[in-house]
Amino acid sequence: MRYPLFVTDGHPGGRKPRTPTRRSFLRGSAAAFFVTVAGGVLAACGGGVARREVPLGSFGGKIPVEKDQIPAPGGEPVLIPGGRFWLLNLKPGEGDIKKVGGAGGLIALYTKCPHAGCQVPWQAEFDGANVNQPGIIGWFRCPCHLSTFSRAGILVSGPSSRPMSTMPITVLQDGSLHVDTSKITAGLAENPKRTVPYAG
């Protein structure tokens, strides 16, 4: 038979343990819940968490474009499939349907139509007379709902609510480019002013 080392009313120190009241239990539970939720929100917003680096050359990151892929001023647009953009080298005023003062240069247009997300091809033979723009041959024209855009991505016809989106271009020292597909900017009438000068 074992004997206790001390005799009390059955509880060490002679005190009964406090049983939590319903109110204190609910307060503790609420505090734990809010701490958990706040931690989840911070994690979702990137608080303290490093952003995942997208490899060079992958959509969502910077897409390299070699010098020999860059069109001549006024030349045909070049599709860069991995970046999902059209690369153009505009002459001054080219594609500037709204006359905002485009100085010419390089522009990268996102291939995704702003209307419903279809891929917008370049139609080199399409006559602007069909969309009240006589004298201009060659347009971006969406096959899904026939939204039509100028060389600068300016909307001239169709159900799209705005011009084609653009991506920022950085010209490197060797004349090649990086197009940042992580920074797609909604198209505006000012698209022709978003060009980047290029000397080659």
C-alpha atoms as a PDB file:
ATOM      1  CA  MET A   1       0.000   0.000   0.000  1.00  0.00           C
ATOM      2  CA  ARG A   2       1.304   3.450  -0.955  1.00  0.00           C
ATOM      3  CA  TYR A   3       0.894   6.507   1.203  1.00  0.00           C
ATOM      4  CA  PRO A   4       0.907  10.078  -0.047  1.00  0.00           C
ATOM      5  CA  LEU A   5       3.820  12.271   0.930  1.00  0.00           C
ATOM      6  CA  PHE A   6       1.430  14.903   2.233  1.00  0.00           C
ATOM      7  CA  VAL A   7      -2.175  14.975   3.099  1.00  0.00           C
ATOM      8  CA  THR A   8      -4.469  17.687   1.792  1.00  0.00           C
ATOM      9  CA  ASP A   9      -7.969  17.856   0.597  1.00  0.00           C
ATOM     10  CA  GLY A  10      -6.899  15.723  -2.355  1.00  0.00           C
ATOM     11  CA  HIS A  11      -5.255  18.437  -4.446  1.00  0.00           C
ATOM     12  CA  PRO A  12      -1.595  19.479  -4.419  1.00  0.00           C
ATOM     13  CA  GLY A  13      -1.079  22.727  -2.569  1.00  0.00           C
ATOM     14  CA  GLY A  14      -4.445  22.383  -0.944  1.00  0.00           C
ATOM     15  CA  ARG A  15      -6.204  24.159  -3.838  1.00  0.00           C
ATOM     16  CA  LYS A  16      -8.685  22.743  -6.235  1.00  0.00           C
ATOM     17  CA  PRO A  17      -7.727  23.188  -9.907  1.00  0.00           C
ATOM     18  CA  ARG A  18      -9.799  25.798 -11.689  1.00  0.00           C
ATOM     19  CA  THR A  19     -12.070  24.342 -14.267  1.00  0.00           C
ATOM     20  CA  PRO A  20     -12.481  26.679 -17.220  1.00  0.00           C
ATOM     21  CA  THR A  21     -15.778  28.467 -17.416  1.00  0.00           C
ATOM     22  CA  ARG A  22     -17.720  28.383 -20.621  1.00  0.00           C
ATOM     23  CA  ARG A  23     -16.889  32.046 -21.222  1.00  0.00           C
ATOM     24  CA  SER A  24     -13.115  31.582 -20.812  1.00  0.00           C
ATOM     25  CA  PHE A  25     -13.211  28.499 -23.044  1.00  0.00           C
ATOM     26  CA  LEU A  26     -15.002  30.423 -25.805  1.00  0.00           C
ATOM     27  CA  ARG A  27     -12.575  33.352 -25.509  1.00  0.00           C
ATOM     28  CA  GLY A  28      -9.587  31.046 -25.833  1.00  0.00           C
ATOM     29  CA  SER A  29     -11.151  29.253 -28.794  1.00  0.00           C
ATOM     30  CA  ALA A  30     -11.942  32.553 -30.535  1.00  0.00           C
ATOM     31  CA  ALA A  31      -8.381  33.808 -30.016  1.00  0.00           C
ATOM     32  CA  ALA A  32      -6.925  30.583 -31.445  1.00  0.00           C
ATOM     33  CA  PHE A  33      -9.287  30.816 -34.431  1.00  0.00           C
ATOM     34  CA  PHE A  34      -8.297  34.418 -35.234  1.00  0.00           C
ATOM     35  CA  VAL A  35      -4.591  33.648 -34.946  1.00  0.00           C
ATOM     36  CA  THR A  36      -5.037  30.748 -37.380  1.00  0.00           C
ATOM     37  CA  VAL A  37      -7.076  32.837 -39.838  1.00  0.00           C
ATOM     38  CA  ALA A  38      -4.652  35.784 -39.673  1.00  0.00           C
ATOM     39  CA  GLY A  39      -1.727  33.465 -40.361  1.00  0.00           C
ATOM     40  CA  GLY A  40      -3.526  32.014 -43.363  1.00  0.00           C
ATOM     41  CA  VAL A  41      -4.355  35.456 -44.747  1.00  0.00           C
ATOM     42  CA  LEU A  42      -0.753  36.629 -44.377  1.00  0.00           C
ATOM     43  CA  ALA A  43       0.517  33.507 -46.114  1.00  0.00           C
ATOM     44  CA  ALA A  44      -1.994  33.941 -48.958  1.00  0.00           C
ATOM     45  CA  CYS A  45      -0.978  37.583 -49.395  1.00  0.00           C
ATOM     46  CA  GLY A  46       2.671  36.676 -49.514  1.00  0.00           C
ATOM     47  CA  GLY A  47       3.501  38.180 -46.127  1.00  0.00           C
ATOM     48  CA  GLY A  48       6.993  36.963 -45.351  1.00  0.00           C
ATOM     49  CA  VAL A  49       6.874  34.332 -48.090  1.00  0.00           C
ATOM     50  CA  ALA A  50       9.283  34.648 -51.025  1.00  0.00           C
ATOM     51  CA  ARG A  51       7.635  34.790 -54.445  1.00  0.00           C
ATOM     52  CA  ARG A  52       8.296  31.763 -56.608  1.00  0.00           C
ATOM     53  CA  GLU A  53      10.849  32.649 -59.267  1.00  0.00           C
ATOM     54  CA  VAL A  54       9.668  31.834 -62.801  1.00  0.00           C
ATOM     55  CA  PRO A  55      12.525  30.474 -64.940  1.00  0.00           C
ATOM     56  CA  LEU A  56      13.825  32.701 -67.739  1.00  0.00           C
ATOM     57  CA  GLY A  57      12.020  31.768 -70.932  1.00  0.00           C
ATOM     58  CA  SER A  58       8.813  30.568 -69.253  1.00  0.00           C
ATOM     59  CA  PHE A  59       5.463  32.332 -69.548  1.00  0.00           C
ATOM     60  CA  GLY A  60       4.894  34.322 -66.387  1.00  0.00           C
ATOM     61  CA  GLY A  61       8.529  35.457 -66.376  1.00  0.00           C
ATOM     62  CA  LYS A  62      10.930  37.183 -68.753  1.00  0.00           C
ATOM     63  CA  ILE A  63      11.032  35.861 -72.310  1.00  0.00           C
ATOM     64  CA  PRO A  64      14.306  36.405 -74.208  1.00  0.00           C
ATOM     65  CA  VAL A  65      14.029  37.544 -77.832  1.00  0.00           C
ATOM     66  CA  GLU A  66      17.133  37.322 -80.038  1.00  0.00           C
ATOM     67  CA  LYS A  67      18.093  40.150 -82.414  1.00  0.00           C
ATOM     68  CA  ASP A  68      17.261  38.081 -85.480  1.00  0.00           C
ATOM     69  CA  GLN A  69      13.661  37.674 -84.243  1.00  0.00           C
ATOM     70  CA  ILE A  70      13.037  41.416 -84.055  1.00  0.00           C
ATOM     71  CA  PRO A  71      11.111  42.725 -87.069  1.00  0.00           C
ATOM     72  CA  ALA A  72      12.322  45.676 -89.116  1.00  0.00           C
ATOM     73  CA  PRO A  73      10.459  48.971 -88.633  1.00  0.00           C
ATOM     74  CA  GLY A  74       7.070  48.567 -90.298  1.00  0.00           C
ATOM     75  CA  GLY A  75       7.716  44.857 -90.915  1.00  0.00           C
ATOM     76  CA  GLU A  76       5.308  41.997 -90.310  1.00  0.00           C
ATOM     77  CA  PRO A  77       4.535  41.195 -86.663  1.00  0.00           C
ATOM     78  CA  VAL A  78       6.482  38.248 -85.206  1.00  0.00           C
ATOM     79  CA  LEU A  79       4.697  35.708 -83.009  1.00  0.00           C
ATOM     80  CA  ILE A  80       6.708  34.612 -79.957  1.00  0.00           C
ATOM     81  CA  PRO A  81       4.705  31.487 -78.994  1.00  0.00           C
ATOM     82  CA  GLY A  82       6.410  30.778 -75.651  1.00  0.00           C
ATOM     83  CA  GLY A  83       5.647  34.305 -74.488  1.00  0.00           C
ATOM     84  CA  ARG A  84       2.142  34.421 -75.978  1.00  0.00           C
ATOM     85  CA  PHE A  85       2.778  37.789 -77.571  1.00  0.00           C
ATOM     86  CA  TRP A  86       3.188  39.475 -80.921  1.00  0.00           C
ATOM     87  CA  LEU A  87       6.330  41.573 -81.307  1.00  0.00           C
ATOM     88  CA  LEU A  88       6.108  44.621 -83.572  1.00  0.00           C
ATOM     89  CA  ASN A  89       8.500  47.369 -84.559  1.00  0.00           C
ATOM     90  CA  LEU A  90       6.214  50.269 -85.425  1.00  0.00           C
ATOM     91  CA  LYS A  91       7.084  53.232 -87.594  1.00  0.00           C
ATOM     92  CA  PRO A  92       6.114  56.636 -86.121  1.00  0.00           C
ATOM     93  CA  GLY A  93       2.321  56.937 -86.182  1.00  0.00           C
ATOM     94  CA  GLU A  94       1.821  53.343 -87.364  1.00  0.00           C
ATOM     95  CA  GLY A  95      -1.213  51.692 -85.778  1.00  0.00           C
ATOM     96  CA  ASP A  96      -2.018  54.960 -83.997  1.00  0.00           C
ATOM     97  CA  ILE A  97      -5.647  54.989 -85.123  1.00  0.00           C
ATOM     98  CA  LYS A  98      -6.696  57.385 -82.337  1.00  0.00           C
ATOM     99  CA  LYS A  99      -3.820  59.795 -83.138  1.00  0.00           C
ATOM    100  CA  VAL A 100      -2.345  59.846 -79.623  1.00  0.00           C
ATOM    101  CA  GLY A 101       1.157  60.573 -80.898  1.00  0.00           C
ATOM    102  CA  GLY A 102       2.892  57.234 -81.209  1.00  0.00           C
ATOM    103  CA  ALA A 103       6.614  57.759 -81.828  1.00  0.00           C
ATOM    104  CA  GLY A 104       7.208  54.245 -83.124  1.00  0.00           C
ATOM    105  CA  GLY A 105       9.390  51.489 -81.720  1.00  0.00           C
ATOM    106  CA  LEU A 106       8.912  48.039 -80.233  1.00  0.00           C
ATOM    107  CA  ILE A 107       5.657  46.861 -78.698  1.00  0.00           C
ATOM    108  CA  ALA A 108       4.643  43.440 -77.362  1.00  0.00           C
ATOM    109  CA  LEU A 109       0.927  42.660 -77.694  1.00  0.00           C
ATOM    110  CA  TYR A 110      -0.614  39.826 -75.654  1.00  0.00           C
ATOM    111  CA  THR A 111      -2.211  37.311 -78.024  1.00  0.00           C
ATOM    112  CA  LYS A 112      -5.260  36.868 -75.756  1.00  0.00           C
ATOM    113  CA  CYS A 113      -8.319  38.794 -76.927  1.00  0.00           C
ATOM    114  CA  PRO A 114      -9.639  41.139 -74.208  1.00  0.00           C
ATOM    115  CA  HIS A 115     -13.201  40.141 -75.112  1.00  0.00           C
ATOM    116  CA  ALA A 116     -13.395  36.383 -74.501  1.00  0.00           C
ATOM    117  CA  GLY A 117      -9.813  35.176 -74.311  1.00  0.00           C
ATOM    118  CA  CYS A 118      -9.424  33.725 -77.816  1.00  0.00           C
ATOM    119  CA  GLN A 119      -5.994  33.837 -79.475  1.00  0.00           C
ATOM    120  CA  VAL A 120      -5.792  36.778 -81.879  1.00  0.00           C
ATOM    121  CA  PRO A 121      -3.935  36.089 -85.151  1.00  0.00           C
ATOM    122  CA  TRP A 122      -2.356  38.575 -87.533  1.00  0.00           C
ATOM    123  CA  GLN A 123      -4.208  38.750 -90.854  1.00  0.00           C
ATOM    124  CA  ALA A 124      -1.745  40.283 -93.284  1.00  0.00           C
ATOM    125  CA  GLU A 125      -4.255  40.492 -96.164  1.00  0.00           C
ATOM    126  CA  PHE A 126      -7.225  41.874 -94.252  1.00  0.00           C
ATOM    127  CA  ASP A 127      -8.387  45.176 -95.785  1.00  0.00           C
ATOM    128  CA  GLY A 128      -9.171  47.976 -93.346  1.00  0.00           C
ATOM    129  CA  ALA A 129     -11.966  49.125 -95.659  1.00  0.00           C
ATOM    130  CA  ASN A 130     -14.005  46.266 -94.138  1.00  0.00           C
ATOM    131  CA  VAL A 131     -13.865  48.007 -90.737  1.00  0.00           C
ATOM    132  CA  ASN A 132     -14.103  51.641 -91.917  1.00  0.00           C
ATOM    133  CA  GLN A 133     -10.314  52.042 -92.059  1.00  0.00           C
ATOM    134  CA  PRO A 134      -9.649  52.237 -95.819  1.00  0.00           C
ATOM    135  CA  GLY A 135      -6.105  52.202 -97.111  1.00  0.00           C
ATOM    136  CA  ILE A 136      -4.642  50.020 -94.343  1.00  0.00           C
ATOM    137  CA  ILE A 137      -3.919  46.378 -95.130  1.00  0.00           C
ATOM    138  CA  GLY A 138      -3.048  43.976 -92.303  1.00  0.00           C
ATOM    139  CA  TRP A 139      -4.865  43.798 -88.957  1.00  0.00           C
ATOM    140  CA  PHE A 140      -5.123  41.675 -85.838  1.00  0.00           C
ATOM    141  CA  ARG A 141      -8.524  40.019 -86.087  1.00  0.00           C
ATOM    142  CA  CYS A 142     -10.047  37.692 -83.503  1.00  0.00           C
ATOM    143  CA  PRO A 143     -11.567  34.584 -85.124  1.00  0.00           C
ATOM    144  CA  CYS A 144     -14.140  34.116 -82.346  1.00  0.00           C
ATOM    145  CA  HIS A 145     -16.140  37.351 -82.463  1.00  0.00           C
ATOM    146  CA  LEU A 146     -14.273  39.395 -85.102  1.00  0.00           C
ATOM    147  CA  SER A 147     -12.847  42.120 -82.885  1.00  0.00           C
ATOM    148  CA  THR A 148     -10.304  43.924 -85.068  1.00  0.00           C
ATOM    149  CA  PHE A 149      -7.184  45.698 -83.823  1.00  0.00           C
ATOM    150  CA  SER A 150      -4.520  47.887 -85.437  1.00  0.00           C
ATOM    151  CA  ARG A 151      -0.779  47.147 -85.413  1.00  0.00           C
ATOM    152  CA  ALA A 152      -0.627  48.921 -82.049  1.00  0.00           C
ATOM    153  CA  GLY A 153      -3.464  46.767 -80.722  1.00  0.00           C
ATOM    154  CA  ILE A 154      -6.047  49.559 -80.964  1.00  0.00           C
ATOM    155  CA  LEU A 155      -9.642  48.328 -81.236  1.00  0.00           C
ATOM    156  CA  VAL A 156     -11.449  49.515 -84.369  1.00  0.00           C
ATOM    157  CA  SER A 157     -14.314  47.029 -84.649  1.00  0.00           C
ATOM    158  CA  GLY A 158     -16.058  44.226 -82.780  1.00  0.00           C
ATOM    159  CA  PRO A 159     -17.330  43.440 -79.285  1.00  0.00           C
ATOM    160  CA  SER A 160     -14.079  43.793 -77.341  1.00  0.00           C
ATOM    161  CA  SER A 161     -14.326  46.503 -74.698  1.00  0.00           C
ATOM    162  CA  ARG A 162     -10.721  47.683 -75.040  1.00  0.00           C
ATOM    163  CA  PRO A 163      -7.465  47.413 -77.033  1.00  0.00           C
ATOM    164  CA  MET A 164      -5.061  44.468 -76.820  1.00  0.00           C
ATOM    165  CA  SER A 165      -2.945  44.215 -73.663  1.00  0.00           C
ATOM    166  CA  THR A 166       0.781  44.970 -73.714  1.00  0.00           C
ATOM    167  CA  MET A 167       3.900  43.671 -71.958  1.00  0.00           C
ATOM    168  CA  PRO A 168       6.996  45.685 -70.979  1.00  0.00           C
ATOM    169  CA  ILE A 169      10.138  45.312 -73.103  1.00  0.00           C
ATOM    170  CA  THR A 170      13.740  45.752 -71.960  1.00  0.00           C
ATOM    171  CA  VAL A 171      16.421  46.226 -74.638  1.00  0.00           C
ATOM    172  CA  LEU A 172      19.690  44.573 -73.576  1.00  0.00           C
ATOM    173  CA  GLN A 173      23.200  45.815 -74.456  1.00  0.00           C
ATOM    174  CA  ASP A 174      23.639  43.222 -77.213  1.00  0.00           C
ATOM    175  CA  GLY A 175      20.418  44.351 -78.935  1.00  0.00           C
ATOM    176  CA  SER A 176      18.366  41.362 -77.780  1.00  0.00           C
ATOM    177  CA  LEU A 177      15.264  41.807 -75.634  1.00  0.00           C
ATOM    178  CA  HIS A 178      13.549  40.593 -72.512  1.00  0.00           C
ATOM    179  CA  VAL A 179       9.745  40.781 -72.546  1.00  0.00           C
ATOM    180  CA  ASP A 180       8.247  40.538 -69.056  1.00  0.00           C
ATOM    181  CA  THR A 181       5.135  38.355 -69.300  1.00  0.00           C
ATOM    182  CA  SER A 182       4.498  38.719 -65.559  1.00  0.00           C
ATOM    183  CA  LYS A 183       3.461  42.344 -66.085  1.00  0.00           C
ATOM    184  CA  ILE A 184       0.601  42.294 -68.576  1.00  0.00           C
ATOM    185  CA  THR A 185      -1.024  45.738 -68.784  1.00  0.00           C
ATOM    186  CA  ALA A 186      -4.583  46.254 -70.023  1.00  0.00           C
ATOM    187  CA  GLY A 187      -4.689  47.882 -73.435  1.00  0.00           C
ATOM    188  CA  LEU A 188      -5.614  51.543 -73.835  1.00  0.00           C
ATOM    189  CA  ALA A 189      -5.874  54.042 -76.671  1.00  0.00           C
ATOM    190  CA  GLU A 190      -2.382  55.113 -75.517  1.00  0.00           C
ATOM    191  CA  ASN A 191      -0.856  51.768 -76.626  1.00  0.00           C
ATOM    192  CA  PRO A 192       1.199  53.550 -79.339  1.00  0.00           C
ATOM    193  CA  LYS A 193       2.912  55.548 -76.560  1.00  0.00           C
ATOM    194  CA  ARG A 194       3.992  52.321 -74.842  1.00  0.00           C
ATOM    195  CA  THR A 195       6.564  51.570 -77.508  1.00  0.00           C
ATOM    196  CA  VAL A 196      10.256  51.201 -76.698  1.00  0.00           C
ATOM    197  CA  PRO A 197      12.831  52.876 -79.003  1.00  0.00           C
ATOM    198  CA  TYR A 198      15.042  50.373 -80.792  1.00  0.00           C
ATOM    199  CA  ALA A 199      18.158  51.159 -82.778  1.00  0.00           C
ATOM    200  CA  GLY A 200      19.134  47.547 -83.439  1.00  0.00           C
END
